[in-house]
């Protein structure tokens, strides 16, 4: 059963991405990337994760409002494209893993910079 859920999640992700690109004309959802879908075990609810380049809270709220406004169209189109007994209800959530990864990269760069500064100071203080 878990393999089927994974396949349905991937198919929903592809279809929602295509629907947003081709059918949704709301400027609030321009530049939205669907990063993942998580289905419940009974295939009744789907959480669709998205990311945007501008991750300011105001812009994310606008995008979320645009996605929620287009939710009916997206669900109907998913139902037409994928053969399921019942089309799952859709919920949208921001994928924060990109921001988390960027923060980790920033912290690693900062730590490397501090290490190189410490090494340079130790090299200067060593007797020759």
N, C-alpha and C. Protein backbone atom coordinates (compact mmCIF):
# COMPACT_ATOMS: atom_id res chain seq x y z
N UNK A 1 0.83 -1.20 0.00
CA UNK A 1 0.00 0.00 0.00
C UNK A 1 0.87 1.26 0.00
N UNK A 2 2.01 1.24 0.71
CA UNK A 2 2.84 2.43 0.79
C UNK A 2 3.41 2.82 -0.57
N UNK A 3 3.67 1.82 -1.43
CA UNK A 3 4.18 2.13 -2.76
C UNK A 3 3.13 2.88 -3.56
N UNK A 4 1.87 2.50 -3.40
CA UNK A 4 0.81 3.17 -4.13
C UNK A 4 0.68 4.62 -3.66
N UNK A 5 0.76 4.84 -2.36
CA UNK A 5 0.67 6.20 -1.84
C UNK A 5 1.80 7.06 -2.41
N UNK A 6 3.01 6.52 -2.46
CA UNK A 6 4.14 7.25 -3.01
C UNK A 6 3.94 7.59 -4.48
N UNK A 7 3.41 6.64 -5.24
CA UNK A 7 3.16 6.90 -6.66
C UNK A 7 2.08 7.96 -6.85
N UNK A 8 1.03 7.89 -6.04
CA UNK A 8 -0.05 8.88 -6.15
C UNK A 8 0.47 10.26 -5.74
N UNK A 9 1.31 10.33 -4.70
CA UNK A 9 1.90 11.60 -4.29
C UNK A 9 2.72 12.22 -5.42
N UNK A 10 3.54 11.41 -6.08
CA UNK A 10 4.34 11.92 -7.18
C UNK A 10 3.47 12.40 -8.34
N UNK A 11 2.43 11.64 -8.63
CA UNK A 11 1.54 12.01 -9.74
C UNK A 11 0.80 13.31 -9.42
N UNK A 12 0.33 13.44 -8.19
CA UNK A 12 -0.35 14.68 -7.79
C UNK A 12 0.61 15.86 -7.88
N UNK A 13 1.85 15.67 -7.45
CA UNK A 13 2.84 16.74 -7.51
C UNK A 13 3.06 17.19 -8.95
N UNK A 14 3.23 16.25 -9.87
CA UNK A 14 3.43 16.60 -11.28
C UNK A 14 2.22 17.34 -11.84
N UNK A 15 1.03 16.83 -11.52
CA UNK A 15 -0.19 17.43 -12.09
C UNK A 15 -0.44 18.82 -11.52
N UNK A 16 -0.27 19.00 -10.22
CA UNK A 16 -0.50 20.33 -9.62
C UNK A 16 0.50 21.33 -10.18
N UNK A 17 1.74 20.92 -10.35
CA UNK A 17 2.75 21.80 -10.93
C UNK A 17 2.34 22.21 -12.34
N UNK A 18 1.87 21.26 -13.13
CA UNK A 18 1.42 21.54 -14.50
C UNK A 18 0.19 22.44 -14.51
N UNK A 19 -0.75 22.18 -13.61
CA UNK A 19 -1.97 22.99 -13.52
C UNK A 19 -1.64 24.43 -13.17
N UNK A 20 -0.74 24.62 -12.19
CA UNK A 20 -0.35 25.98 -11.81
C UNK A 20 0.32 26.71 -12.96
N UNK A 21 1.10 25.98 -13.73
CA UNK A 21 1.83 26.58 -14.83
C UNK A 21 0.91 26.96 -15.99
N UNK A 22 -0.06 26.08 -16.30
CA UNK A 22 -0.84 26.27 -17.51
C UNK A 22 -2.25 26.84 -17.31
N UNK A 23 -2.90 26.55 -16.18
CA UNK A 23 -4.31 26.91 -16.04
C UNK A 23 -4.61 28.04 -15.06
N UNK A 24 -3.79 28.19 -14.04
CA UNK A 24 -4.06 29.20 -13.02
C UNK A 24 -3.46 30.52 -13.48
N UNK A 25 -4.30 31.52 -13.66
CA UNK A 25 -3.86 32.82 -14.16
C UNK A 25 -3.68 33.87 -13.07
N UNK A 26 -3.66 33.45 -11.83
CA UNK A 26 -3.51 34.37 -10.71
C UNK A 26 -2.04 34.80 -10.60
N UNK A 27 -1.75 36.10 -10.67
CA UNK A 27 -0.35 36.54 -10.59
C UNK A 27 0.29 36.25 -9.23
N UNK A 28 -0.52 36.00 -8.21
CA UNK A 28 0.04 35.70 -6.90
C UNK A 28 0.77 34.37 -6.87
N UNK A 29 0.43 33.47 -7.78
CA UNK A 29 1.06 32.14 -7.75
C UNK A 29 2.15 31.99 -8.81
N UNK A 30 2.55 33.09 -9.44
CA UNK A 30 3.67 33.03 -10.38
C UNK A 30 4.95 32.71 -9.62
N UNK A 31 5.75 31.82 -10.16
CA UNK A 31 7.02 31.48 -9.53
C UNK A 31 6.91 30.49 -8.39
N UNK A 32 5.76 29.87 -8.21
CA UNK A 32 5.58 28.88 -7.15
C UNK A 32 6.09 27.53 -7.65
N UNK A 33 6.86 26.86 -6.82
CA UNK A 33 7.35 25.53 -7.13
C UNK A 33 6.75 24.54 -6.14
N UNK A 34 6.17 23.49 -6.65
CA UNK A 34 5.63 22.44 -5.78
C UNK A 34 6.78 21.51 -5.43
N UNK A 35 7.10 21.41 -4.15
CA UNK A 35 8.26 20.64 -3.72
C UNK A 35 7.90 19.25 -3.21
N UNK A 36 6.65 19.04 -2.87
CA UNK A 36 6.27 17.72 -2.38
C UNK A 36 4.80 17.63 -2.05
N UNK A 37 4.33 16.40 -1.92
CA UNK A 37 2.95 16.13 -1.55
C UNK A 37 2.97 15.04 -0.50
N UNK A 38 2.16 15.20 0.52
CA UNK A 38 2.04 14.17 1.55
C UNK A 38 0.57 13.79 1.67
N UNK A 39 0.29 12.52 1.40
CA UNK A 39 -1.08 12.00 1.47
C UNK A 39 -1.29 11.26 2.77
N UNK A 40 -2.51 11.29 3.26
CA UNK A 40 -2.86 10.45 4.39
C UNK A 40 -3.00 9.01 3.90
N UNK A 41 -2.98 8.07 4.81
CA UNK A 41 -3.03 6.66 4.45
C UNK A 41 -4.29 6.26 3.70
N UNK A 42 -5.40 6.95 3.94
CA UNK A 42 -6.65 6.63 3.25
C UNK A 42 -6.85 7.45 1.97
N UNK A 43 -5.84 8.22 1.57
CA UNK A 43 -5.85 9.03 0.35
C UNK A 43 -6.97 10.08 0.34
N UNK A 44 -7.39 10.53 1.50
CA UNK A 44 -8.47 11.50 1.58
C UNK A 44 -8.00 12.94 1.69
N UNK A 45 -6.77 13.15 2.20
CA UNK A 45 -6.26 14.51 2.35
C UNK A 45 -4.84 14.57 1.82
N UNK A 46 -4.54 15.63 1.09
CA UNK A 46 -3.20 15.84 0.55
C UNK A 46 -2.68 17.20 1.01
N UNK A 47 -1.51 17.18 1.61
CA UNK A 47 -0.83 18.42 1.95
C UNK A 47 0.19 18.67 0.85
N UNK A 48 0.07 19.80 0.19
CA UNK A 48 0.94 20.14 -0.93
C UNK A 48 1.91 21.22 -0.45
N UNK A 49 3.20 20.89 -0.52
CA UNK A 49 4.24 21.81 -0.06
C UNK A 49 4.77 22.61 -1.24
N UNK A 50 4.93 23.91 -1.03
CA UNK A 50 5.40 24.80 -2.09
C UNK A 50 6.54 25.67 -1.56
N UNK A 51 7.33 26.17 -2.49
CA UNK A 51 8.36 27.14 -2.13
C UNK A 51 8.33 28.28 -3.14
N UNK A 52 8.77 29.43 -2.70
CA UNK A 52 8.86 30.62 -3.54
C UNK A 52 10.23 31.26 -3.31
N UNK A 53 10.70 32.00 -4.30
CA UNK A 53 12.01 32.63 -4.18
C UNK A 53 12.01 33.72 -3.12
N UNK A 54 10.97 34.55 -3.12
CA UNK A 54 10.85 35.62 -2.12
C UNK A 54 10.10 35.03 -0.92
N UNK A 55 10.85 34.71 0.13
CA UNK A 55 10.22 34.04 1.27
C UNK A 55 9.85 34.99 2.40
N UNK A 56 9.60 36.25 2.06
CA UNK A 56 9.13 37.19 3.08
C UNK A 56 7.72 36.78 3.51
N UNK A 57 7.39 36.96 4.78
CA UNK A 57 6.08 36.52 5.27
C UNK A 57 4.90 37.11 4.50
N UNK A 58 5.00 38.37 4.09
CA UNK A 58 3.90 39.00 3.35
C UNK A 58 3.70 38.34 2.00
N UNK A 59 4.78 38.04 1.30
CA UNK A 59 4.69 37.41 -0.01
C UNK A 59 4.17 35.98 0.11
N UNK A 60 4.61 35.27 1.12
CA UNK A 60 4.15 33.89 1.32
C UNK A 60 2.65 33.88 1.61
N UNK A 61 2.16 34.86 2.36
CA UNK A 61 0.73 34.95 2.64
C UNK A 61 -0.06 35.22 1.37
N UNK A 62 0.48 36.07 0.50
CA UNK A 62 -0.19 36.33 -0.78
C UNK A 62 -0.25 35.07 -1.63
N UNK A 63 0.86 34.35 -1.69
CA UNK A 63 0.91 33.11 -2.48
C UNK A 63 -0.08 32.10 -1.92
N UNK A 64 -0.11 31.97 -0.60
CA UNK A 64 -1.03 31.03 0.04
C UNK A 64 -2.48 31.41 -0.24
N UNK A 65 -2.76 32.71 -0.24
CA UNK A 65 -4.12 33.16 -0.56
C UNK A 65 -4.47 32.82 -2.01
N UNK A 66 -3.51 33.01 -2.93
CA UNK A 66 -3.75 32.67 -4.32
C UNK A 66 -3.96 31.18 -4.53
N UNK A 67 -3.17 30.36 -3.83
CA UNK A 67 -3.33 28.91 -3.94
C UNK A 67 -4.67 28.46 -3.37
N UNK A 68 -5.05 29.03 -2.23
CA UNK A 68 -6.34 28.66 -1.64
C UNK A 68 -7.50 29.10 -2.53
N UNK A 69 -7.34 30.22 -3.21
CA UNK A 69 -8.38 30.69 -4.12
C UNK A 69 -8.53 29.73 -5.31
N UNK A 70 -7.42 29.16 -5.78
CA UNK A 70 -7.44 28.26 -6.93
C UNK A 70 -7.62 26.79 -6.53
N UNK A 71 -7.83 26.54 -5.26
CA UNK A 71 -7.91 25.17 -4.75
C UNK A 71 -8.99 24.35 -5.46
N UNK A 72 -10.14 24.92 -5.70
CA UNK A 72 -11.24 24.20 -6.36
C UNK A 72 -10.88 23.80 -7.78
N UNK A 73 -10.30 24.73 -8.53
CA UNK A 73 -9.87 24.43 -9.89
C UNK A 73 -8.80 23.34 -9.89
N UNK A 74 -7.84 23.46 -8.99
CA UNK A 74 -6.75 22.48 -8.93
C UNK A 74 -7.29 21.10 -8.58
N UNK A 75 -8.18 21.04 -7.61
CA UNK A 75 -8.74 19.74 -7.19
C UNK A 75 -9.56 19.11 -8.33
N UNK A 76 -10.35 19.93 -9.02
CA UNK A 76 -11.15 19.41 -10.13
C UNK A 76 -10.25 18.87 -11.24
N UNK A 77 -9.20 19.60 -11.57
CA UNK A 77 -8.29 19.16 -12.63
C UNK A 77 -7.51 17.90 -12.21
N UNK A 78 -7.12 17.83 -10.95
CA UNK A 78 -6.45 16.61 -10.47
C UNK A 78 -7.40 15.43 -10.61
N UNK A 79 -8.66 15.64 -10.27
CA UNK A 79 -9.66 14.57 -10.40
C UNK A 79 -9.85 14.13 -11.84
N UNK A 80 -9.73 15.04 -12.78
CA UNK A 80 -9.87 14.69 -14.20
C UNK A 80 -8.66 13.92 -14.71
N UNK A 81 -7.49 14.29 -14.21
CA UNK A 81 -6.25 13.72 -14.74
C UNK A 81 -5.84 12.41 -14.06
N UNK A 82 -6.21 12.21 -12.82
CA UNK A 82 -5.81 11.01 -12.08
C UNK A 82 -7.06 10.22 -11.72
N UNK A 83 -7.05 8.94 -11.99
CA UNK A 83 -8.19 8.11 -11.69
C UNK A 83 -8.11 7.63 -10.24
N UNK A 84 -8.89 8.26 -9.40
CA UNK A 84 -8.98 7.88 -7.99
C UNK A 84 -10.45 7.74 -7.63
N UNK A 85 -10.73 6.90 -6.64
CA UNK A 85 -12.12 6.72 -6.21
C UNK A 85 -12.67 8.04 -5.70
N UNK A 86 -11.87 8.73 -4.88
CA UNK A 86 -12.26 10.04 -4.37
C UNK A 86 -11.03 10.94 -4.43
N UNK A 87 -11.21 12.12 -4.98
CA UNK A 87 -10.11 13.07 -5.08
C UNK A 87 -9.85 13.63 -3.68
N UNK A 88 -8.60 13.62 -3.23
CA UNK A 88 -8.32 14.11 -1.88
C UNK A 88 -8.55 15.61 -1.75
N UNK A 89 -8.90 16.02 -0.54
CA UNK A 89 -8.99 17.46 -0.28
C UNK A 89 -7.57 18.00 -0.20
N UNK A 90 -7.39 19.22 -0.66
CA UNK A 90 -6.05 19.79 -0.78
C UNK A 90 -5.81 20.84 0.30
N UNK A 91 -4.61 20.79 0.87
CA UNK A 91 -4.16 21.79 1.83
C UNK A 91 -2.76 22.22 1.40
N UNK A 92 -2.51 23.50 1.42
CA UNK A 92 -1.22 24.02 0.99
C UNK A 92 -0.42 24.47 2.19
N UNK A 93 0.90 24.20 2.15
CA UNK A 93 1.80 24.60 3.22
C UNK A 93 3.15 24.97 2.62
N UNK A 94 3.79 25.96 3.22
CA UNK A 94 5.09 26.38 2.73
C UNK A 94 6.15 25.36 3.12
N UNK A 95 7.02 25.02 2.19
CA UNK A 95 8.13 24.11 2.45
C UNK A 95 9.28 24.95 2.98
N UNK A 96 9.62 24.76 4.22
CA UNK A 96 10.67 25.57 4.85
C UNK A 96 12.03 24.88 4.78
N UNK A 97 12.14 23.75 4.13
CA UNK A 97 13.41 23.04 4.08
C UNK A 97 14.46 23.83 3.30
N UNK A 98 14.06 24.60 2.31
CA UNK A 98 15.00 25.41 1.55
C UNK A 98 15.59 26.49 2.46
N UNK A 99 14.74 27.14 3.24
CA UNK A 99 15.22 28.16 4.17
C UNK A 99 16.13 27.53 5.24
N UNK A 100 15.76 26.35 5.70
CA UNK A 100 16.55 25.66 6.71
C UNK A 100 17.93 25.32 6.16
N UNK A 101 17.97 24.83 4.93
CA UNK A 101 19.25 24.51 4.29
C UNK A 101 20.12 25.74 4.10
N UNK A 102 19.50 26.85 3.71
CA UNK A 102 20.24 28.10 3.52
C UNK A 102 20.81 28.58 4.85
N UNK A 103 20.05 28.43 5.92
CA UNK A 103 20.53 28.84 7.25
C UNK A 103 21.71 27.98 7.68
N UNK A 104 21.65 26.68 7.41
CA UNK A 104 22.77 25.79 7.75
C UNK A 104 24.01 26.18 6.95
N UNK A 105 23.84 26.46 5.65
CA UNK A 105 24.97 26.90 4.82
C UNK A 105 25.59 28.18 5.38
N UNK A 106 24.73 29.09 5.80
CA UNK A 106 25.21 30.36 6.37
C UNK A 106 26.01 30.12 7.64
N UNK A 107 25.52 29.24 8.51
CA UNK A 107 26.22 28.94 9.75
C UNK A 107 27.55 28.23 9.49
N UNK A 108 27.58 27.32 8.52
CA UNK A 108 28.83 26.64 8.18
C UNK A 108 29.85 27.62 7.62
N UNK A 109 29.42 28.53 6.77
CA UNK A 109 30.34 29.54 6.22
C UNK A 109 30.89 30.42 7.33
N UNK A 110 30.04 30.79 8.26
CA UNK A 110 30.47 31.62 9.38
C UNK A 110 31.48 30.86 10.24
N UNK A 111 31.23 29.58 10.51
CA UNK A 111 32.15 28.77 11.32
C UNK A 111 33.48 28.60 10.60
N UNK A 112 33.47 28.38 9.29
CA UNK A 112 34.71 28.25 8.52
C UNK A 112 35.51 29.54 8.55
N UNK A 113 34.82 30.67 8.45
CA UNK A 113 35.49 31.96 8.48
C UNK A 113 36.16 32.18 9.84
N UNK A 114 35.44 31.85 10.91
CA UNK A 114 36.00 32.00 12.25
C UNK A 114 37.19 31.07 12.45
N UNK A 115 37.12 29.86 11.92
CA UNK A 115 38.24 28.92 12.04
C UNK A 115 39.47 29.44 11.31
N UNK A 116 39.26 29.97 10.10
CA UNK A 116 40.41 30.47 9.34
C UNK A 116 41.02 31.69 10.02
N UNK A 117 40.20 32.54 10.64
CA UNK A 117 40.72 33.69 11.38
C UNK A 117 41.51 33.25 12.59
N UNK A 118 41.01 32.24 13.30
CA UNK A 118 41.69 31.71 14.47
C UNK A 118 43.02 31.09 14.07
N UNK A 119 43.04 30.34 12.97
CA UNK A 119 44.27 29.73 12.48
C UNK A 119 45.29 30.79 12.10
N UNK A 120 44.84 31.87 11.46
CA UNK A 120 45.74 32.95 11.06
C UNK A 120 46.35 33.63 12.29
N UNK A 121 45.55 33.82 13.34
CA UNK A 121 46.06 34.44 14.57
C UNK A 121 47.07 33.54 15.24
N UNK A 122 46.81 32.24 15.25
CA UNK A 122 47.75 31.30 15.88
C UNK A 122 49.06 31.25 15.10
N UNK A 123 48.99 31.33 13.77
CA UNK A 123 50.19 31.32 12.96
C UNK A 123 51.04 32.55 13.23
N UNK A 124 50.41 33.70 13.49
CA UNK A 124 51.14 34.93 13.77
C UNK A 124 51.81 34.88 15.15
N UNK A 125 51.17 34.22 16.10
CA UNK A 125 51.68 34.17 17.47
C UNK A 125 52.72 33.10 17.69
N UNK A 126 52.92 32.18 16.77
CA UNK A 126 53.91 31.13 16.93
C UNK A 126 55.32 31.70 16.76
N UNK A 127 56.24 31.26 17.61
CA UNK A 127 57.64 31.72 17.44
C UNK A 127 58.26 31.08 16.20
N UNK A 128 59.14 31.83 15.55
CA UNK A 128 59.77 31.34 14.31
C UNK A 128 61.12 30.85 14.55
